[in-house]
């Protein structure tokens, strides 16, 4: 799930990524163009299997990302706005920060 909070005083959007992982998953990383395609671990909630990551991103932009589970399995957020081919025979999730 992706939640967006548009900041009134800045040209930024606070974006929160949430992924409810199966119980067997120990680590979830977000891998995105705005992170130079480097895996960044998401924080796991204490009492659930939900992983979260927050970022401030420029307004009126489009971004691509995927989740990496236990450093082995690639998945997309099921609630993304769109998908785009990624050059590896799979698709990246796409979201925008348009108001």
N, C-alpha and C. Protein backbone atom coordinates (compact mmCIF):
# COMPACT_ATOMS: atom_id res chain seq x y z
N UNK A 1 0.84 -1.16 0.00
CA UNK A 1 0.00 0.00 0.00
C UNK A 1 0.90 1.24 0.00
N UNK A 2 0.46 2.25 -0.72
CA UNK A 2 1.19 3.51 -0.78
C UNK A 2 0.28 4.62 -0.29
N UNK A 3 0.74 5.35 0.72
CA UNK A 3 0.01 6.52 1.22
C UNK A 3 0.81 7.76 0.91
N UNK A 4 0.12 8.81 0.46
CA UNK A 4 0.79 10.05 0.10
C UNK A 4 0.24 11.20 0.94
N UNK A 5 1.15 12.00 1.47
CA UNK A 5 0.77 13.20 2.22
C UNK A 5 1.42 14.39 1.53
N UNK A 6 0.59 15.24 0.93
CA UNK A 6 1.10 16.40 0.21
C UNK A 6 1.41 17.52 1.20
N UNK A 7 2.64 17.99 1.19
CA UNK A 7 3.09 19.03 2.13
C UNK A 7 2.77 20.39 1.54
N UNK A 8 2.07 21.21 2.30
CA UNK A 8 1.62 22.52 1.80
C UNK A 8 2.76 23.52 1.65
N UNK A 9 3.76 23.43 2.51
CA UNK A 9 4.82 24.44 2.52
C UNK A 9 6.03 24.05 1.68
N UNK A 10 6.02 22.86 1.09
CA UNK A 10 7.17 22.41 0.30
C UNK A 10 6.67 21.74 -0.97
N UNK A 11 7.53 21.67 -1.96
CA UNK A 11 7.21 20.96 -3.20
C UNK A 11 7.57 19.48 -3.07
N UNK A 12 7.15 18.91 -1.95
CA UNK A 12 7.45 17.51 -1.67
C UNK A 12 6.18 16.77 -1.24
N UNK A 13 6.26 15.46 -1.37
CA UNK A 13 5.19 14.58 -0.91
C UNK A 13 5.83 13.54 0.01
N UNK A 14 5.25 13.37 1.20
CA UNK A 14 5.72 12.32 2.09
C UNK A 14 4.99 11.03 1.68
N UNK A 15 5.76 10.05 1.24
CA UNK A 15 5.19 8.80 0.75
C UNK A 15 5.54 7.68 1.73
N UNK A 16 4.52 6.95 2.16
CA UNK A 16 4.71 5.81 3.05
C UNK A 16 4.36 4.54 2.29
N UNK A 17 5.31 3.64 2.25
CA UNK A 17 5.13 2.33 1.61
C UNK A 17 4.88 1.32 2.72
N UNK A 18 3.85 0.50 2.57
CA UNK A 18 3.55 -0.54 3.55
C UNK A 18 3.34 -1.86 2.82
N UNK A 19 3.94 -2.91 3.37
CA UNK A 19 3.76 -4.24 2.79
C UNK A 19 3.50 -5.23 3.92
N UNK A 20 2.35 -5.90 3.87
CA UNK A 20 2.01 -6.93 4.85
C UNK A 20 2.57 -8.25 4.34
N UNK A 21 3.69 -8.64 4.88
CA UNK A 21 4.41 -9.84 4.41
C UNK A 21 3.85 -11.10 5.05
N UNK A 22 3.97 -12.22 4.36
CA UNK A 22 3.64 -13.51 4.99
C UNK A 22 4.52 -13.72 6.23
N UNK A 23 4.03 -14.46 7.20
CA UNK A 23 4.74 -14.67 8.46
C UNK A 23 6.15 -15.22 8.28
N UNK A 24 6.38 -16.02 7.25
CA UNK A 24 7.69 -16.64 7.04
C UNK A 24 8.76 -15.66 6.56
N UNK A 25 8.36 -14.48 6.13
CA UNK A 25 9.31 -13.48 5.61
C UNK A 25 9.96 -12.74 6.76
N UNK A 26 11.29 -12.69 6.74
CA UNK A 26 12.05 -12.02 7.80
C UNK A 26 12.45 -10.60 7.45
N UNK A 27 12.68 -10.32 6.16
CA UNK A 27 13.17 -9.01 5.74
C UNK A 27 12.51 -8.59 4.43
N UNK A 28 12.13 -7.31 4.39
CA UNK A 28 11.60 -6.73 3.16
C UNK A 28 12.41 -5.47 2.88
N UNK A 29 12.88 -5.34 1.65
CA UNK A 29 13.60 -4.13 1.23
C UNK A 29 12.82 -3.49 0.10
N UNK A 30 12.90 -2.17 0.03
CA UNK A 30 12.34 -1.45 -1.11
C UNK A 30 13.50 -1.14 -2.05
N UNK A 31 13.27 -1.33 -3.33
CA UNK A 31 14.27 -1.05 -4.36
C UNK A 31 13.59 -0.13 -5.36
N UNK A 32 14.15 1.08 -5.56
CA UNK A 32 13.44 2.08 -6.35
C UNK A 32 14.39 2.99 -7.11
N UNK A 33 13.86 3.62 -8.14
CA UNK A 33 14.68 4.56 -8.90
C UNK A 33 15.12 5.74 -8.03
N UNK A 34 14.27 6.18 -7.11
CA UNK A 34 14.65 7.31 -6.24
C UNK A 34 15.66 6.91 -5.17
N UNK A 35 15.99 5.62 -5.09
CA UNK A 35 17.03 5.10 -4.20
C UNK A 35 18.21 4.55 -5.00
N UNK A 36 18.32 4.98 -6.25
CA UNK A 36 19.38 4.51 -7.16
C UNK A 36 19.40 2.99 -7.29
N UNK A 37 18.23 2.38 -7.18
CA UNK A 37 18.05 0.93 -7.35
C UNK A 37 18.86 0.11 -6.35
N UNK A 38 19.16 0.69 -5.20
CA UNK A 38 19.85 -0.04 -4.13
C UNK A 38 18.81 -0.49 -3.10
N UNK A 39 18.83 -1.75 -2.67
CA UNK A 39 17.86 -2.21 -1.66
C UNK A 39 18.03 -1.47 -0.34
N UNK A 40 16.92 -0.98 0.20
CA UNK A 40 16.92 -0.32 1.50
C UNK A 40 15.93 -1.08 2.39
N UNK A 41 16.39 -1.62 3.52
CA UNK A 41 15.49 -2.38 4.39
C UNK A 41 14.33 -1.53 4.89
N UNK A 42 13.16 -2.14 4.92
CA UNK A 42 11.97 -1.51 5.48
C UNK A 42 11.88 -1.91 6.95
N UNK A 43 11.25 -1.05 7.78
CA UNK A 43 11.12 -1.34 9.21
C UNK A 43 9.89 -2.19 9.46
N UNK A 44 10.09 -3.23 10.26
CA UNK A 44 8.98 -4.12 10.59
C UNK A 44 8.25 -3.62 11.82
N UNK A 45 6.92 -3.61 11.75
CA UNK A 45 6.10 -3.23 12.91
C UNK A 45 6.27 -4.29 14.00
N UNK A 46 6.25 -3.85 15.24
CA UNK A 46 6.52 -4.73 16.37
C UNK A 46 5.50 -5.86 16.49
N UNK A 47 4.23 -5.55 16.35
CA UNK A 47 3.19 -6.55 16.62
C UNK A 47 2.52 -7.10 15.37
N UNK A 48 3.14 -6.94 14.22
CA UNK A 48 2.54 -7.48 13.00
C UNK A 48 3.65 -7.83 12.01
N UNK A 49 3.24 -8.32 10.87
CA UNK A 49 4.22 -8.64 9.82
C UNK A 49 4.23 -7.56 8.75
N UNK A 50 3.83 -6.35 9.12
CA UNK A 50 3.82 -5.22 8.18
C UNK A 50 5.16 -4.50 8.21
N UNK A 51 5.70 -4.24 7.03
CA UNK A 51 6.95 -3.52 6.88
C UNK A 51 6.64 -2.14 6.30
N UNK A 52 7.35 -1.10 6.78
CA UNK A 52 7.10 0.28 6.33
C UNK A 52 8.39 0.98 5.94
N UNK A 53 8.23 1.94 5.02
CA UNK A 53 9.33 2.80 4.61
C UNK A 53 8.74 4.15 4.23
N UNK A 54 9.35 5.24 4.70
CA UNK A 54 8.89 6.60 4.36
C UNK A 54 9.96 7.33 3.58
N UNK A 55 9.51 8.15 2.64
CA UNK A 55 10.42 8.98 1.86
C UNK A 55 9.72 10.28 1.50
N UNK A 56 10.49 11.35 1.40
CA UNK A 56 9.98 12.61 0.87
C UNK A 56 10.46 12.74 -0.56
N UNK A 57 9.51 12.88 -1.47
CA UNK A 57 9.81 12.90 -2.89
C UNK A 57 9.24 14.15 -3.54
N UNK A 58 9.82 14.59 -4.65
CA UNK A 58 9.32 15.79 -5.32
C UNK A 58 7.90 15.60 -5.85
N UNK A 59 7.13 16.69 -5.77
CA UNK A 59 5.78 16.68 -6.34
C UNK A 59 5.87 16.58 -7.86
N UNK A 60 4.75 16.15 -8.45
CA UNK A 60 4.58 16.11 -9.91
C UNK A 60 5.64 15.26 -10.60
N UNK A 61 5.89 14.09 -10.04
CA UNK A 61 6.89 13.18 -10.60
C UNK A 61 6.34 11.76 -10.65
N UNK A 62 7.03 10.91 -11.40
CA UNK A 62 6.68 9.49 -11.50
C UNK A 62 7.87 8.66 -11.07
N UNK A 63 7.61 7.57 -10.34
CA UNK A 63 8.67 6.73 -9.81
C UNK A 63 8.36 5.25 -10.03
N UNK A 64 9.43 4.44 -10.07
CA UNK A 64 9.31 2.99 -10.20
C UNK A 64 9.93 2.34 -8.97
N UNK A 65 9.35 1.19 -8.57
CA UNK A 65 9.91 0.47 -7.42
C UNK A 65 9.41 -0.97 -7.40
N UNK A 66 10.07 -1.77 -6.56
CA UNK A 66 9.66 -3.15 -6.26
C UNK A 66 10.06 -3.44 -4.82
N UNK A 67 9.52 -4.53 -4.29
CA UNK A 67 9.93 -5.03 -2.99
C UNK A 67 10.79 -6.27 -3.20
N UNK A 68 11.78 -6.44 -2.34
CA UNK A 68 12.64 -7.62 -2.36
C UNK A 68 12.48 -8.35 -1.02
N UNK A 69 11.95 -9.57 -1.07
CA UNK A 69 11.68 -10.34 0.15
C UNK A 69 12.85 -11.27 0.46
N UNK A 70 13.37 -11.16 1.68
CA UNK A 70 14.47 -12.01 2.14
C UNK A 70 15.62 -12.09 1.15
N UNK A 71 15.85 -11.00 0.44
CA UNK A 71 16.95 -10.88 -0.51
C UNK A 71 16.89 -11.94 -1.62
N UNK A 72 15.67 -12.45 -1.90
CA UNK A 72 15.54 -13.52 -2.90
C UNK A 72 14.38 -13.33 -3.86
N UNK A 73 13.24 -12.89 -3.37
CA UNK A 73 12.02 -12.88 -4.18
C UNK A 73 11.56 -11.45 -4.47
N UNK A 74 11.39 -11.14 -5.75
CA UNK A 74 10.91 -9.83 -6.17
C UNK A 74 9.39 -9.84 -6.26
N UNK A 75 8.76 -8.80 -5.73
CA UNK A 75 7.31 -8.66 -5.87
C UNK A 75 6.97 -7.19 -6.08
N UNK A 76 5.77 -6.96 -6.59
CA UNK A 76 5.26 -5.61 -6.74
C UNK A 76 4.18 -5.37 -5.70
N UNK A 77 4.00 -4.12 -5.33
CA UNK A 77 2.89 -3.74 -4.47
C UNK A 77 1.61 -3.97 -5.26
N UNK A 78 0.64 -4.70 -4.71
CA UNK A 78 -0.58 -4.98 -5.47
C UNK A 78 -1.47 -3.75 -5.70
N UNK A 79 -1.17 -2.64 -5.04
CA UNK A 79 -2.01 -1.45 -5.16
C UNK A 79 -1.34 -0.30 -5.90
N UNK A 80 -0.34 -0.61 -6.73
CA UNK A 80 0.32 0.46 -7.49
C UNK A 80 -0.61 1.03 -8.55
N UNK A 81 -0.26 2.21 -9.05
CA UNK A 81 -1.08 2.88 -10.05
C UNK A 81 -0.93 2.25 -11.43
N UNK A 82 0.26 1.70 -11.71
CA UNK A 82 0.53 1.16 -13.04
C UNK A 82 1.76 0.26 -12.96
N UNK A 83 2.07 -0.39 -14.07
CA UNK A 83 3.26 -1.22 -14.18
C UNK A 83 4.00 -0.85 -15.46
N UNK A 84 5.33 -1.05 -15.45
CA UNK A 84 6.14 -0.79 -16.63
C UNK A 84 7.20 -1.89 -16.73
N UNK A 85 7.50 -2.33 -17.95
CA UNK A 85 8.53 -3.34 -18.15
C UNK A 85 9.87 -2.82 -17.64
N UNK A 86 10.65 -3.69 -16.99
CA UNK A 86 11.89 -3.23 -16.38
C UNK A 86 13.16 -3.68 -17.09
N UNK A 87 13.06 -4.35 -18.22
CA UNK A 87 14.27 -4.77 -18.93
C UNK A 87 14.84 -6.09 -18.45
N UNK A 88 14.24 -6.69 -17.42
CA UNK A 88 14.68 -7.99 -16.91
C UNK A 88 13.59 -9.04 -17.10
N UNK A 89 12.65 -8.76 -17.99
CA UNK A 89 11.56 -9.70 -18.25
C UNK A 89 10.45 -9.65 -17.23
N UNK A 90 10.47 -8.64 -16.37
CA UNK A 90 9.44 -8.47 -15.35
C UNK A 90 8.94 -7.04 -15.40
N UNK A 91 8.12 -6.67 -14.43
CA UNK A 91 7.58 -5.31 -14.39
C UNK A 91 7.88 -4.66 -13.05
N UNK A 92 8.05 -3.34 -13.08
CA UNK A 92 8.16 -2.54 -11.87
C UNK A 92 6.82 -1.88 -11.61
N UNK A 93 6.52 -1.66 -10.35
CA UNK A 93 5.35 -0.87 -10.00
C UNK A 93 5.65 0.60 -10.23
N UNK A 94 4.63 1.36 -10.61
CA UNK A 94 4.78 2.79 -10.88
C UNK A 94 3.79 3.55 -10.00
N UNK A 95 4.25 4.67 -9.43
CA UNK A 95 3.36 5.58 -8.73
C UNK A 95 3.78 7.00 -9.03
N UNK A 96 2.84 7.92 -8.84
CA UNK A 96 3.11 9.33 -9.13
C UNK A 96 2.87 10.18 -7.89
N UNK A 97 3.42 11.38 -7.93
CA UNK A 97 3.21 12.34 -6.84
C UNK A 97 2.50 13.59 -7.37
N UNK A 98 1.63 13.39 -8.34
CA UNK A 98 0.83 14.51 -8.85
C UNK A 98 -0.29 14.81 -7.88
N UNK A 99 -0.54 16.10 -7.68
CA UNK A 99 -1.60 16.51 -6.75
C UNK A 99 -2.97 16.23 -7.32
